[in-house]
Amino acid sequence: MFSRKEILTIPNAITGVRALGIPLFLFVYLSLDNSGLALGILIVGAASDYFDGKIARALNQESALGALLDPTIDRLYIAATVIALVLKEVVPLWLLLVLVSRDIWMTLILAIKKSRGTGVFEVTFLGKAATFNLLYAFPFLLVAGESGIGRIFFIAGWGFAIWGVGLYWITALQYTYVAIGELKDDNSQR
């Protein structure tokens, strides 16, 4: 499916290391109860997400595998972080349900697209903006508090979360619209 040259790239190695941060974050935050170190892991994960794409383009090492892995790791970071925050009662369960329901919807739409042979979605600017907002929201909420700088983190975190959830669902509608158009085109060609 993927050639050795496509798999063994610097950006894919960065993405692989970034993936290891997910279970590490969960262990540090849930088992060790160390919010500071957990925040550091999320920051390194976000920075590496930024740099793997930049490095891929700079070294001409963009690949189909990287295009598949990068958003998958993003989704796993978001899911792991929001689940951990729900377990610690930092964010309400409804936030997790809203995000998961969108991902279930997109999985169904993607399955329909693939069954018709129209492939995967091309990532859009809005999709990147939604992910950006969510990946920034959760570290702020992780260290939010009731007073002082913690209160500022709380406000910033919920600001990013609300925008992220809104954009997350807008992109779901956008991708659904694209899929419907592709399916109509496919049906008209038959």
N, C-alpha and C. Protein backbone atom coordinates (compact mmCIF):
# COMPACT_ATOMS: atom_id res chain seq x y z
N MET A 1 0.82 -1.19 0.00
CA MET A 1 0.00 0.00 0.00
C MET A 1 0.87 1.27 0.00
N PHE A 2 1.78 1.38 0.96
CA PHE A 2 2.70 2.52 1.01
C PHE A 2 4.11 2.01 0.77
N SER A 3 4.87 2.74 -0.04
CA SER A 3 6.24 2.33 -0.32
C SER A 3 7.14 2.62 0.88
N ARG A 4 8.25 1.92 0.93
CA ARG A 4 9.21 2.11 2.02
C ARG A 4 9.69 3.55 2.06
N LYS A 5 9.93 4.14 0.87
CA LYS A 5 10.37 5.53 0.78
C LYS A 5 9.33 6.47 1.37
N GLU A 6 8.07 6.14 1.19
CA GLU A 6 6.99 6.98 1.70
C GLU A 6 6.82 6.83 3.22
N ILE A 7 7.12 5.67 3.73
CA ILE A 7 6.96 5.41 5.17
C ILE A 7 8.12 6.00 5.97
N LEU A 8 9.34 5.79 5.50
CA LEU A 8 10.54 6.17 6.25
C LEU A 8 10.95 7.61 5.93
N THR A 9 10.17 8.54 6.48
CA THR A 9 10.46 9.95 6.30
C THR A 9 10.59 10.63 7.65
N ILE A 10 11.27 11.74 7.67
CA ILE A 10 11.42 12.50 8.92
C ILE A 10 10.06 12.97 9.44
N PRO A 11 9.18 13.53 8.60
CA PRO A 11 7.87 13.95 9.12
C PRO A 11 7.06 12.79 9.70
N ASN A 12 7.11 11.62 9.08
CA ASN A 12 6.38 10.47 9.62
C ASN A 12 6.98 10.02 10.95
N ALA A 13 8.30 10.14 11.10
CA ALA A 13 8.93 9.81 12.38
C ALA A 13 8.47 10.78 13.46
N ILE A 14 8.37 12.06 13.12
CA ILE A 14 7.88 13.05 14.07
C ILE A 14 6.44 12.73 14.46
N THR A 15 5.62 12.39 13.48
CA THR A 15 4.22 12.03 13.74
C THR A 15 4.13 10.79 14.63
N GLY A 16 5.01 9.82 14.39
CA GLY A 16 5.03 8.60 15.21
C GLY A 16 5.38 8.90 16.66
N VAL A 17 6.38 9.75 16.85
CA VAL A 17 6.75 10.15 18.21
C VAL A 17 5.61 10.92 18.85
N ARG A 18 4.95 11.79 18.06
CA ARG A 18 3.80 12.55 18.57
C ARG A 18 2.70 11.61 19.04
N ALA A 19 2.50 10.52 18.31
CA ALA A 19 1.48 9.54 18.70
C ALA A 19 1.78 8.92 20.06
N LEU A 20 3.05 8.72 20.35
CA LEU A 20 3.45 8.16 21.65
C LEU A 20 3.09 9.09 22.82
N GLY A 21 2.93 10.37 22.51
CA GLY A 21 2.55 11.33 23.54
C GLY A 21 1.14 11.12 24.06
N ILE A 22 0.28 10.47 23.30
CA ILE A 22 -1.12 10.29 23.73
C ILE A 22 -1.21 9.40 24.97
N PRO A 23 -0.67 8.17 24.93
CA PRO A 23 -0.75 7.36 26.15
C PRO A 23 0.08 7.96 27.29
N LEU A 24 1.18 8.63 26.94
CA LEU A 24 2.00 9.27 27.97
C LEU A 24 1.20 10.37 28.66
N PHE A 25 0.50 11.19 27.88
CA PHE A 25 -0.35 12.24 28.46
C PHE A 25 -1.38 11.63 29.40
N LEU A 26 -2.07 10.58 28.94
CA LEU A 26 -3.11 9.96 29.77
C LEU A 26 -2.54 9.43 31.07
N PHE A 27 -1.38 8.79 31.01
CA PHE A 27 -0.75 8.26 32.21
C PHE A 27 -0.37 9.38 33.18
N VAL A 28 0.29 10.41 32.64
CA VAL A 28 0.76 11.51 33.48
C VAL A 28 -0.42 12.26 34.11
N TYR A 29 -1.45 12.52 33.33
CA TYR A 29 -2.57 13.32 33.83
C TYR A 29 -3.51 12.52 34.73
N LEU A 30 -3.85 11.31 34.31
CA LEU A 30 -4.83 10.53 35.07
C LEU A 30 -4.20 9.72 36.21
N SER A 31 -3.04 9.13 35.99
CA SER A 31 -2.43 8.29 37.03
C SER A 31 -1.52 9.08 37.96
N LEU A 32 -0.66 9.90 37.38
CA LEU A 32 0.28 10.66 38.22
C LEU A 32 -0.32 11.97 38.72
N ASP A 33 -1.44 12.38 38.13
CA ASP A 33 -2.13 13.62 38.51
C ASP A 33 -1.20 14.82 38.43
N ASN A 34 -0.40 14.87 37.36
CA ASN A 34 0.57 15.94 37.18
C ASN A 34 0.13 16.82 36.00
N SER A 35 -0.63 17.87 36.30
CA SER A 35 -1.16 18.74 35.25
C SER A 35 -0.06 19.48 34.50
N GLY A 36 0.99 19.89 35.20
CA GLY A 36 2.07 20.63 34.56
C GLY A 36 2.78 19.80 33.51
N LEU A 37 3.15 18.57 33.86
CA LEU A 37 3.82 17.70 32.90
C LEU A 37 2.87 17.31 31.77
N ALA A 38 1.61 17.08 32.10
CA ALA A 38 0.60 16.76 31.07
C ALA A 38 0.48 17.92 30.09
N LEU A 39 0.48 19.15 30.60
CA LEU A 39 0.43 20.32 29.74
C LEU A 39 1.65 20.36 28.83
N GLY A 40 2.82 20.08 29.38
CA GLY A 40 4.04 20.05 28.58
C GLY A 40 3.95 19.05 27.44
N ILE A 41 3.38 17.89 27.72
CA ILE A 41 3.23 16.86 26.69
C ILE A 41 2.29 17.36 25.59
N LEU A 42 1.20 18.02 25.97
CA LEU A 42 0.28 18.56 24.97
C LEU A 42 0.95 19.65 24.13
N ILE A 43 1.76 20.47 24.75
CA ILE A 43 2.46 21.54 24.03
C ILE A 43 3.45 20.95 23.03
N VAL A 44 4.20 19.94 23.46
CA VAL A 44 5.14 19.28 22.54
C VAL A 44 4.37 18.61 21.40
N GLY A 45 3.23 18.00 21.71
CA GLY A 45 2.40 17.39 20.68
C GLY A 45 1.91 18.40 19.66
N ALA A 46 1.46 19.56 20.14
CA ALA A 46 0.98 20.61 19.24
C ALA A 46 2.12 21.17 18.39
N ALA A 47 3.27 21.39 19.01
CA ALA A 47 4.42 21.91 18.26
C ALA A 47 4.88 20.93 17.20
N SER A 48 4.92 19.65 17.56
CA SER A 48 5.36 18.65 16.58
C SER A 48 4.35 18.51 15.44
N ASP A 49 3.07 18.74 15.73
CA ASP A 49 2.04 18.71 14.68
C ASP A 49 2.31 19.82 13.67
N TYR A 50 2.71 20.97 14.17
CA TYR A 50 3.02 22.10 13.30
C TYR A 50 4.27 21.80 12.47
N PHE A 51 5.32 21.29 13.13
CA PHE A 51 6.60 21.12 12.45
C PHE A 51 6.63 19.94 11.48
N ASP A 52 5.86 18.89 11.73
CA ASP A 52 5.92 17.76 10.80
C ASP A 52 5.45 18.17 9.41
N GLY A 53 4.41 18.99 9.34
CA GLY A 53 3.94 19.47 8.04
C GLY A 53 4.93 20.41 7.38
N LYS A 54 5.49 21.33 8.17
CA LYS A 54 6.49 22.26 7.63
C LYS A 54 7.70 21.50 7.09
N ILE A 55 8.16 20.53 7.86
CA ILE A 55 9.33 19.75 7.45
C ILE A 55 9.01 18.90 6.21
N ALA A 56 7.81 18.34 6.18
CA ALA A 56 7.42 17.54 5.01
C ALA A 56 7.48 18.38 3.73
N ARG A 57 6.96 19.60 3.80
CA ARG A 57 6.98 20.46 2.62
C ARG A 57 8.41 20.92 2.30
N ALA A 58 9.17 21.28 3.32
CA ALA A 58 10.54 21.77 3.09
C ALA A 58 11.45 20.69 2.49
N LEU A 59 11.28 19.45 2.93
CA LEU A 59 12.13 18.36 2.45
C LEU A 59 11.50 17.59 1.29
N ASN A 60 10.37 18.08 0.82
CA ASN A 60 9.62 17.39 -0.24
C ASN A 60 9.34 15.93 0.15
N GLN A 61 8.91 15.74 1.40
CA GLN A 61 8.61 14.40 1.92
C GLN A 61 7.12 14.26 2.26
N GLU A 62 6.28 15.02 1.57
CA GLU A 62 4.85 14.86 1.77
C GLU A 62 4.45 13.49 1.23
N SER A 63 3.54 12.83 1.94
CA SER A 63 3.17 11.48 1.53
C SER A 63 1.71 11.21 1.86
N ALA A 64 1.15 10.22 1.17
CA ALA A 64 -0.23 9.81 1.45
C ALA A 64 -0.33 9.27 2.87
N LEU A 65 0.71 8.57 3.32
CA LEU A 65 0.71 8.04 4.69
C LEU A 65 0.68 9.19 5.70
N GLY A 66 1.51 10.19 5.48
CA GLY A 66 1.53 11.35 6.37
C GLY A 66 0.20 12.08 6.37
N ALA A 67 -0.41 12.20 5.18
CA ALA A 67 -1.71 12.86 5.08
C ALA A 67 -2.80 12.08 5.81
N LEU A 68 -2.62 10.78 5.94
CA LEU A 68 -3.57 9.93 6.67
C LEU A 68 -3.27 9.96 8.17
N LEU A 69 -1.99 9.84 8.53
CA LEU A 69 -1.61 9.77 9.94
C LEU A 69 -1.84 11.08 10.69
N ASP A 70 -1.49 12.20 10.08
CA ASP A 70 -1.53 13.47 10.79
C ASP A 70 -2.92 13.80 11.34
N PRO A 71 -3.97 13.80 10.52
CA PRO A 71 -5.29 14.10 11.09
C PRO A 71 -5.80 13.01 12.04
N THR A 72 -5.36 11.77 11.83
CA THR A 72 -5.76 10.69 12.73
C THR A 72 -5.17 10.92 14.12
N ILE A 73 -3.90 11.29 14.17
CA ILE A 73 -3.25 11.57 15.46
C ILE A 73 -3.89 12.79 16.10
N ASP A 74 -4.23 13.80 15.29
CA ASP A 74 -4.94 14.97 15.82
C ASP A 74 -6.23 14.55 16.52
N ARG A 75 -7.03 13.71 15.85
CA ARG A 75 -8.30 13.24 16.42
C ARG A 75 -8.07 12.45 17.71
N LEU A 76 -7.03 11.63 17.71
CA LEU A 76 -6.74 10.84 18.91
C LEU A 76 -6.30 11.74 20.08
N TYR A 77 -5.52 12.78 19.78
CA TYR A 77 -5.14 13.74 20.83
C TYR A 77 -6.38 14.44 21.39
N ILE A 78 -7.24 14.88 20.49
CA ILE A 78 -8.46 15.56 20.93
C ILE A 78 -9.31 14.62 21.78
N ALA A 79 -9.52 13.40 21.29
CA ALA A 79 -10.35 12.44 22.03
C ALA A 79 -9.75 12.11 23.39
N ALA A 80 -8.46 11.80 23.42
CA ALA A 80 -7.81 11.43 24.68
C ALA A 80 -7.87 12.58 25.68
N THR A 81 -7.63 13.79 25.19
CA THR A 81 -7.62 14.95 26.09
C THR A 81 -9.01 15.24 26.63
N VAL A 82 -10.01 15.24 25.77
CA VAL A 82 -11.36 15.56 26.25
C VAL A 82 -11.89 14.45 27.15
N ILE A 83 -11.57 13.19 26.87
CA ILE A 83 -11.99 12.10 27.76
C ILE A 83 -11.34 12.27 29.14
N ALA A 84 -10.05 12.58 29.15
CA ALA A 84 -9.35 12.79 30.42
C ALA A 84 -9.95 13.96 31.19
N LEU A 85 -10.27 15.04 30.47
CA LEU A 85 -10.86 16.21 31.13
C LEU A 85 -12.27 15.92 31.65
N VAL A 86 -13.02 15.08 30.95
CA VAL A 86 -14.34 14.67 31.45
C VAL A 86 -14.17 13.81 32.70
N LEU A 87 -13.22 12.87 32.66
CA LEU A 87 -12.99 12.01 33.82
C LEU A 87 -12.58 12.81 35.05
N LYS A 88 -11.83 13.87 34.85
CA LYS A 88 -11.40 14.74 35.96
C LYS A 88 -12.44 15.82 36.28
N GLU A 89 -13.55 15.79 35.57
CA GLU A 89 -14.67 16.73 35.74
C GLU A 89 -14.25 18.18 35.50
N VAL A 90 -13.34 18.36 34.55
CA VAL A 90 -12.92 19.70 34.15
C VAL A 90 -13.88 20.25 33.09
N VAL A 91 -14.34 19.38 32.20
CA VAL A 91 -15.32 19.77 31.18
C VAL A 91 -16.52 18.81 31.30
N PRO A 92 -17.69 19.27 30.88
CA PRO A 92 -18.88 18.43 30.98
C PRO A 92 -18.91 17.33 29.91
N LEU A 93 -19.65 16.29 30.19
CA LEU A 93 -19.79 15.16 29.29
C LEU A 93 -20.36 15.56 27.94
N TRP A 94 -21.26 16.55 27.92
CA TRP A 94 -21.88 16.95 26.65
C TRP A 94 -20.84 17.36 25.63
N LEU A 95 -19.73 17.97 26.06
CA LEU A 95 -18.69 18.39 25.12
C LEU A 95 -18.10 17.16 24.41
N LEU A 96 -17.83 16.13 25.17
CA LEU A 96 -17.33 14.89 24.59
C LEU A 96 -18.35 14.31 23.61
N LEU A 97 -19.62 14.29 23.99
CA LEU A 97 -20.65 13.72 23.13
C LEU A 97 -20.81 14.49 21.83
N VAL A 98 -20.71 15.81 21.90
CA VAL A 98 -20.81 16.64 20.68
C VAL A 98 -19.66 16.33 19.73
N LEU A 99 -18.46 16.20 20.27
CA LEU A 99 -17.29 15.91 19.43
C LEU A 99 -17.35 14.49 18.87
N VAL A 100 -17.71 13.53 19.69
CA VAL A 100 -17.77 12.13 19.24
C VAL A 100 -18.88 11.96 18.20
N SER A 101 -20.02 12.61 18.40
CA SER A 101 -21.12 12.47 17.44
C SER A 101 -20.71 13.01 16.07
N ARG A 102 -19.93 14.08 16.05
CA ARG A 102 -19.43 14.61 14.78
C ARG A 102 -18.50 13.60 14.11
N ASP A 103 -17.61 13.00 14.89
CA ASP A 103 -16.69 12.03 14.32
C ASP A 103 -17.41 10.77 13.83
N ILE A 104 -18.45 10.36 14.52
CA ILE A 104 -19.25 9.22 14.06
C ILE A 104 -19.93 9.57 12.73
N TRP A 105 -20.50 10.77 12.66
CA TRP A 105 -21.13 11.23 11.43
C TRP A 105 -20.12 11.22 10.27
N MET A 106 -18.93 11.76 10.51
CA MET A 106 -17.93 11.82 9.46
C MET A 106 -17.44 10.43 9.06
N THR A 107 -17.39 9.52 10.01
CA THR A 107 -17.01 8.13 9.69
C THR A 107 -18.03 7.51 8.75
N LEU A 108 -19.31 7.76 9.01
CA LEU A 108 -20.37 7.24 8.13
C LEU A 108 -20.28 7.84 6.73
N ILE A 109 -20.10 9.15 6.65
CA ILE A 109 -19.99 9.82 5.35
C ILE A 109 -18.76 9.32 4.59
N LEU A 110 -17.65 9.15 5.30
CA LEU A 110 -16.43 8.65 4.67
C LEU A 110 -16.61 7.22 4.17
N ALA A 111 -17.30 6.40 4.95
CA ALA A 111 -17.56 5.02 4.52
C ALA A 111 -18.40 5.00 3.24
N ILE A 112 -19.38 5.88 3.16
CA ILE A 112 -20.20 5.96 1.94
C ILE A 112 -19.34 6.40 0.76
N LYS A 113 -18.50 7.42 0.98
CA LYS A 113 -17.61 7.88 -0.09
C LYS A 113 -16.69 6.77 -0.58
N LYS A 114 -16.10 6.07 0.36
CA LYS A 114 -15.16 5.01 -0.01
C LYS A 114 -15.87 3.87 -0.73
N SER A 115 -17.10 3.55 -0.31
CA SER A 115 -17.85 2.47 -0.97
C SER A 115 -18.18 2.83 -2.41
N ARG A 116 -18.26 4.12 -2.70
CA ARG A 116 -18.54 4.58 -4.06
C ARG A 116 -17.26 4.88 -4.83
N GLY A 117 -16.12 4.69 -4.16
CA GLY A 117 -14.83 4.89 -4.83
C GLY A 117 -14.42 6.33 -5.00
N THR A 118 -14.98 7.23 -4.19
CA THR A 118 -14.62 8.65 -4.33
C THR A 118 -13.52 9.07 -3.37
N GLY A 119 -12.95 8.14 -2.62
CA GLY A 119 -11.78 8.43 -1.79
C GLY A 119 -12.08 9.15 -0.50
N VAL A 120 -11.05 9.83 0.01
CA VAL A 120 -11.16 10.52 1.30
C VAL A 120 -11.35 12.02 1.05
N PHE A 121 -11.65 12.74 2.12
CA PHE A 121 -11.82 14.18 2.02
C PHE A 121 -10.47 14.88 1.98
N GLU A 122 -10.41 15.95 1.22
CA GLU A 122 -9.23 16.80 1.26
C GLU A 122 -9.42 17.76 2.43
N VAL A 123 -8.40 17.88 3.26
CA VAL A 123 -8.49 18.74 4.44
C VAL A 123 -8.66 20.19 3.99
N THR A 124 -9.60 20.89 4.63
CA THR A 124 -9.88 22.27 4.28
C THR A 124 -9.29 23.22 5.32
N PHE A 125 -9.27 24.49 4.98
CA PHE A 125 -8.80 25.50 5.92
C PHE A 125 -9.67 25.50 7.17
N LEU A 126 -10.99 25.39 6.99
CA LEU A 126 -11.89 25.37 8.15
C LEU A 126 -11.62 24.15 9.03
N GLY A 127 -11.34 23.02 8.40
CA GLY A 127 -11.01 21.82 9.17
C GLY A 127 -9.75 22.01 10.00
N LYS A 128 -8.75 22.65 9.40
CA LYS A 128 -7.52 22.94 10.14
C LYS A 128 -7.79 23.94 11.27
N ALA A 129 -8.63 24.92 11.00
CA ALA A 129 -8.96 25.93 12.02
C ALA A 129 -9.71 25.28 13.18
N ALA A 130 -10.62 24.35 12.88
CA ALA A 130 -11.35 23.66 13.94
C ALA A 130 -10.39 22.86 14.82
N THR A 131 -9.50 22.12 14.18
CA THR A 131 -8.53 21.32 14.93
C THR A 131 -7.62 22.23 15.75
N PHE A 132 -7.15 23.31 15.15
CA PHE A 132 -6.31 24.28 15.86
C PHE A 132 -7.01 24.76 17.13
N ASN A 133 -8.26 25.18 17.01
CA ASN A 133 -9.00 25.68 18.17
C ASN A 133 -9.14 24.63 19.24
N LEU A 134 -9.46 23.40 18.86
CA LEU A 134 -9.64 22.35 19.86
C LEU A 134 -8.31 21.97 20.50
N LEU A 135 -7.25 21.91 19.71
CA LEU A 135 -5.95 21.56 20.27
C LEU A 135 -5.42 22.65 21.20
N TYR A 136 -5.89 23.88 21.04
CA TYR A 136 -5.50 24.95 21.96
C TYR A 136 -6.43 25.04 23.15
N ALA A 137 -7.69 24.69 22.96
CA ALA A 137 -8.68 24.79 24.05
C ALA A 137 -8.31 23.91 25.23
N PHE A 138 -7.98 22.67 24.98
CA PHE A 138 -7.82 21.70 26.05
C PHE A 138 -6.61 21.94 26.95
N PRO A 139 -5.47 22.37 26.42
CA PRO A 139 -4.38 22.72 27.35
C PRO A 139 -4.75 23.88 28.27
N PHE A 140 -5.45 24.89 27.73
CA PHE A 140 -5.90 25.99 28.58
C PHE A 140 -6.85 25.48 29.67
N LEU A 141 -7.78 24.62 29.29
CA LEU A 141 -8.74 24.10 30.27
C LEU A 141 -8.05 23.18 31.28
N LEU A 142 -7.00 22.53 30.85
CA LEU A 142 -6.23 21.64 31.73
C LEU A 142 -5.67 22.40 32.93
N VAL A 143 -5.25 23.64 32.71
CA VAL A 143 -4.62 24.41 33.79
C VAL A 143 -5.52 25.57 34.27
N ALA A 144 -6.78 25.55 33.85
CA ALA A 144 -7.72 26.62 34.26
C ALA A 144 -7.98 26.56 35.75
N GLY A 145 -8.37 27.69 36.28
CA GLY A 145 -8.69 27.77 37.70
C GLY A 145 -9.77 28.81 37.94
N GLU A 146 -10.05 29.04 39.20
CA GLU A 146 -11.13 29.94 39.59
C GLU A 146 -10.69 31.39 39.76
N SER A 147 -9.40 31.64 39.90
CA SER A 147 -8.97 33.02 40.12
C SER A 147 -7.65 33.29 39.42
N GLY A 148 -7.32 34.56 39.29
CA GLY A 148 -6.06 34.97 38.71
C GLY A 148 -5.86 34.47 37.30
N ILE A 149 -4.65 34.02 37.02
CA ILE A 149 -4.30 33.55 35.68
C ILE A 149 -5.10 32.30 35.31
N GLY A 150 -5.47 31.50 36.31
CA GLY A 150 -6.31 30.32 36.05
C GLY A 150 -7.64 30.70 35.45
N ARG A 151 -8.19 31.82 35.88
CA ARG A 151 -9.47 32.31 35.34
C ARG A 151 -9.29 32.74 33.89
N ILE A 152 -8.17 33.37 33.58
CA ILE A 152 -7.88 33.77 32.20
C ILE A 152 -7.76 32.53 31.32
N PHE A 153 -7.07 31.50 31.82
CA PHE A 153 -6.97 30.24 31.08
C PHE A 153 -8.34 29.61 30.86
N PHE A 154 -9.20 29.70 31.88
CA PHE A 154 -10.56 29.16 31.77
C PHE A 154 -11.32 29.85 30.64
N ILE A 155 -11.26 31.17 30.62
CA ILE A 155 -11.97 31.95 29.59
C ILE A 155 -11.40 31.65 28.20
N ALA A 156 -10.07 31.67 28.09
CA ALA A 156 -9.43 31.38 26.80
C ALA A 156 -9.74 29.96 26.35
N GLY A 157 -9.68 29.02 27.28
CA GLY A 157 -9.96 27.63 26.94
C GLY A 157 -11.36 27.43 26.41
N TRP A 158 -12.34 28.01 27.09
CA TRP A 158 -13.72 27.87 26.62
C TRP A 158 -13.96 28.66 25.34
N GLY A 159 -13.26 29.78 25.16
CA GLY A 159 -13.36 30.51 23.89
C GLY A 159 -12.89 29.65 22.73
N PHE A 160 -11.71 29.05 22.89
CA PHE A 160 -11.21 28.15 21.84
C PHE A 160 -12.12 26.93 21.67
N ALA A 161 -12.64 26.40 22.76
CA ALA A 161 -13.50 25.20 22.68
C ALA A 161 -14.78 25.50 21.91
N ILE A 162 -15.41 26.63 22.22
CA ILE A 162 -16.67 26.96 21.54
C ILE A 162 -16.44 27.19 20.05
N TRP A 163 -15.40 27.95 19.72
CA TRP A 163 -15.08 28.14 18.31
C TRP A 163 -14.71 26.81 17.65
N GLY A 164 -13.93 26.00 18.35
CA GLY A 164 -13.51 24.71 17.79
C GLY A 164 -14.68 23.79 17.51
N VAL A 165 -15.60 23.69 18.47
CA VAL A 165 -16.78 22.83 18.27
C VAL A 165 -17.63 23.36 17.12
N GLY A 166 -17.83 24.67 17.09
CA GLY A 166 -18.61 25.26 16.00
C GLY A 166 -17.99 24.98 14.64
N LEU A 167 -16.70 25.24 14.52
CA LEU A 167 -16.01 24.99 13.25
C LEU A 167 -15.94 23.50 12.93
N TYR A 168 -15.84 22.67 13.95
CA TYR A 168 -15.80 21.22 13.77
C TYR A 168 -17.08 20.75 13.09
N TRP A 169 -18.22 21.27 13.55
CA TRP A 169 -19.50 20.89 12.96
C TRP A 169 -19.74 21.57 11.62
N ILE A 170 -19.26 22.80 11.45
CA ILE A 170 -19.38 23.46 10.14
C ILE A 170 -18.61 22.68 9.10
N THR A 171 -17.41 22.20 9.45
CA THR A 171 -16.65 21.40 8.49
C THR A 171 -17.33 20.07 8.21
N ALA A 172 -18.00 19.51 9.19
CA ALA A 172 -18.76 18.27 8.95
C ALA A 172 -19.84 18.53 7.90
N LEU A 173 -20.51 19.65 8.02
CA LEU A 173 -21.54 20.00 7.03
C LEU A 173 -20.90 20.28 5.66
N GLN A 174 -19.75 20.95 5.68
CA GLN A 174 -19.04 21.22 4.44
C GLN A 174 -18.62 19.92 3.75
N TYR A 175 -18.02 19.01 4.50
CA TYR A 175 -17.60 17.72 3.94
C TYR A 175 -18.81 16.91 3.47
N THR A 176 -19.90 16.98 4.19
CA THR A 176 -21.12 16.27 3.79
C THR A 176 -21.63 16.82 2.46
N TYR A 177 -21.63 18.13 2.32
CA TYR A 177 -22.05 18.77 1.08
C TYR A 177 -21.18 18.31 -0.09
N VAL A 178 -19.86 18.27 0.13
CA VAL A 178 -18.93 17.81 -0.91
C VAL A 178 -19.24 16.35 -1.27
N ALA A 179 -19.47 15.52 -0.27
CA ALA A 179 -19.75 14.10 -0.51
C ALA A 179 -21.04 13.92 -1.30
N ILE A 180 -22.07 14.68 -0.95
CA ILE A 180 -23.34 14.59 -1.68
C ILE A 180 -23.14 14.98 -3.13
N GLY A 181 -22.37 16.05 -3.37
CA GLY A 181 -22.07 16.47 -4.73
C GLY A 181 -21.34 15.40 -5.52
N GLU A 182 -20.37 14.76 -4.88
CA GLU A 182 -19.62 13.69 -5.55
C GLU A 182 -20.53 12.51 -5.86
N LEU A 183 -21.41 12.17 -4.93
CA LEU A 183 -22.32 11.05 -5.14
C LEU A 183 -23.32 11.36 -6.26
N LYS A 184 -23.79 12.60 -6.32
CA LYS A 184 -24.70 12.99 -7.41
C LYS A 184 -23.98 12.90 -8.75
N ASP A 185 -22.72 13.39 -8.81
CA ASP A 185 -21.95 13.30 -10.03
C ASP A 185 -21.74 11.85 -10.45
N ASP A 186 -21.45 11.00 -9.47
CA ASP A 186 -21.24 9.58 -9.73
C ASP A 186 -22.51 8.95 -10.27
N ASN A 187 -23.65 9.28 -9.68
CA ASN A 187 -24.93 8.71 -10.14
C ASN A 187 -25.30 9.20 -11.53
N SER A 188 -24.99 10.46 -11.86
CA SER A 188 -25.33 11.01 -13.17
C SER A 188 -24.47 10.41 -14.28
N GLN A 189 -23.28 9.91 -13.92
CA GLN A 189 -22.39 9.31 -14.91
C GLN A 189 -22.73 7.86 -15.19
N ARG A 190 -23.59 7.29 -14.39
CA ARG A 190 -23.96 5.87 -14.59
C ARG A 190 -25.02 5.71 -15.60
